[in-house]
Amino acid sequence: LLGQFWPGERVVVGLGGNDIGAQGAGMLANALGQCKALAHLDLRGNEIGPERADSEELASVLGDCKMMAHLDLSGNHLFDEGAEELTGVLVGHLDLSMNRGTRGAGECSGGVQGAGSS
């Protein structure tokens, strides 16, 4: 379903607060791999992490979404290692605030803030 959009159409997916967890994040990553038009993804408060594999799989797929402008992963359970994986995703706005275990991670507009930076 996510891959069936008109060329150039920007896709917004809001799944905040659904407690999808690690298994759901993996299944979502598989589905998102077909959606190159994804521009805005809200995954706040979904119990994602702290396993590095959760964020690695998402980062791998989201790195191919060239239209991504906003990624909200606030309020999950990402730790520094998992947050670092996601900072490689090029977005205009990345929110990693309120994640347990991230030093210095937070909200950043116009670029990506590293999880361990100040």
Protein backbone atom coordinates (compact mmCIF):
# COMPACT_ATOMS: atom_id res chain seq x y z
CA LEU A 1 0.00 0.00 0.00
CA LEU A 2 2.74 2.52 0.92
CA GLY A 3 4.45 2.06 -2.43
CA GLN A 4 1.33 2.93 -4.45
CA PHE A 5 1.53 6.71 -4.78
CA TRP A 6 1.90 9.05 -7.72
CA PRO A 7 5.47 10.04 -8.58
CA GLY A 8 6.46 13.16 -6.64
CA GLU A 9 3.62 12.79 -4.13
CA ARG A 10 4.75 13.31 -0.53
CA VAL A 11 3.54 10.77 2.02
CA VAL A 12 2.83 11.50 5.70
CA VAL A 13 2.60 8.58 8.17
CA GLY A 14 1.46 9.26 11.74
CA LEU A 15 1.77 6.30 14.07
CA GLY A 16 2.60 8.07 17.32
CA GLY A 17 1.50 6.47 20.59
CA ASN A 18 0.72 3.01 19.23
CA ASP A 19 3.28 1.04 21.28
CA ILE A 20 4.44 -0.90 18.22
CA GLY A 21 7.65 -2.02 19.95
CA ALA A 22 10.59 -3.80 18.37
CA GLN A 23 8.58 -6.33 16.38
CA GLY A 24 6.30 -3.63 14.98
CA ALA A 25 9.29 -1.44 14.12
CA GLY A 26 10.77 -4.30 12.11
CA MET A 27 7.53 -4.92 10.24
CA LEU A 28 7.12 -1.19 9.63
CA ALA A 29 10.68 -0.96 8.28
CA ASN A 30 9.83 -3.65 5.73
CA ALA A 31 6.74 -1.73 4.60
CA LEU A 32 8.52 1.63 4.50
CA GLY A 33 11.19 0.19 2.23
CA GLN A 34 8.64 0.39 -0.59
CA CYS A 35 7.73 4.03 0.04
CA LYS A 36 10.31 6.34 -1.49
CA ALA A 37 7.87 9.28 -1.23
CA LEU A 38 7.79 9.25 2.59
CA ALA A 39 8.22 12.85 3.78
CA HIS A 40 6.96 12.87 7.39
CA LEU A 41 7.11 9.97 9.83
CA ASP A 42 5.78 10.21 13.40
CA LEU A 43 6.82 7.26 15.57
CA ARG A 44 6.88 9.03 18.95
CA GLY A 45 5.95 7.05 22.04
CA ASN A 46 6.09 3.60 20.43
CA GLU A 47 8.36 1.62 22.77
CA ILE A 48 11.02 1.36 20.03
CA GLY A 49 14.46 0.31 21.31
CA PRO A 50 16.73 -0.16 23.13
CA GLU A 51 18.01 -2.94 20.87
CA ARG A 52 20.38 -1.52 18.29
CA ALA A 53 18.81 -3.74 15.64
CA ASP A 54 15.49 -1.84 15.99
CA SER A 55 17.05 1.46 14.98
CA GLU A 56 19.53 -0.05 12.50
CA GLU A 57 16.71 -1.56 10.47
CA LEU A 58 14.73 1.69 10.49
CA ALA A 59 17.81 3.77 9.63
CA SER A 60 18.69 1.47 6.74
CA VAL A 61 15.24 1.81 5.19
CA LEU A 62 14.72 5.50 5.97
CA GLY A 63 18.06 6.34 4.39
CA ASP A 64 16.48 5.48 1.04
CA CYS A 65 13.55 7.87 1.58
CA LYS A 66 15.00 10.89 -0.21
CA MET A 67 11.90 13.04 0.39
CA MET A 68 12.07 12.63 4.21
CA ALA A 69 11.73 16.04 5.87
CA HIS A 70 10.49 15.20 9.39
CA LEU A 71 11.22 12.21 11.62
CA ASP A 72 9.86 12.09 15.18
CA LEU A 73 11.19 9.29 17.40
CA SER A 74 10.74 11.12 20.69
CA GLY A 75 9.57 9.29 23.79
CA ASN A 76 10.90 5.86 22.81
CA HIS A 77 13.62 3.76 24.44
CA LEU A 78 16.53 4.48 22.14
CA PHE A 79 19.98 4.51 23.71
CA ASP A 80 23.04 6.29 22.34
CA GLU A 81 23.99 3.50 19.94
CA GLY A 82 20.52 3.29 18.43
CA ALA A 83 20.15 7.05 18.22
CA GLU A 84 23.49 7.31 16.42
CA GLU A 85 22.22 4.93 13.73
CA LEU A 86 19.27 7.24 13.09
CA THR A 87 21.30 10.44 12.91
CA GLY A 88 22.55 9.25 9.53
CA VAL A 89 19.06 9.66 8.06
CA LEU A 90 19.03 12.97 6.23
CA VAL A 91 15.98 14.92 7.34
CA GLY A 92 15.15 18.56 7.89
CA HIS A 93 13.83 17.87 11.40
CA LEU A 94 14.81 14.96 13.63
CA ASP A 95 13.37 14.63 17.14
CA LEU A 96 15.07 12.15 19.46
CA SER A 97 14.07 13.93 22.67
CA MET A 98 12.86 12.07 25.77
CA ASN A 99 14.55 8.80 24.84
CA ARG A 100 15.92 6.89 27.80
CA GLY A 101 19.67 6.61 27.70
CA THR A 102 20.56 9.22 25.09
CA ARG A 103 23.14 11.80 26.15
CA GLY A 104 22.49 15.13 24.53
CA ALA A 105 19.98 13.83 22.00
CA GLY A 106 17.13 16.15 21.32
CA GLU A 107 15.29 18.07 18.72
CA CYS A 108 17.08 19.52 15.75
CA SER A 109 15.77 21.53 12.82
CA GLY A 110 17.70 22.11 9.64
CA GLY A 111 20.03 19.19 10.22
CA VAL A 112 20.69 16.21 12.40
CA GLN A 113 22.06 16.30 15.91
CA GLY A 114 24.30 13.45 17.01
CA ALA A 115 23.20 11.55 20.10
CA GLY A 116 26.45 12.14 21.97
CA SER A 117 27.03 15.74 20.94
CA SER A 118 26.42 18.81 23.05
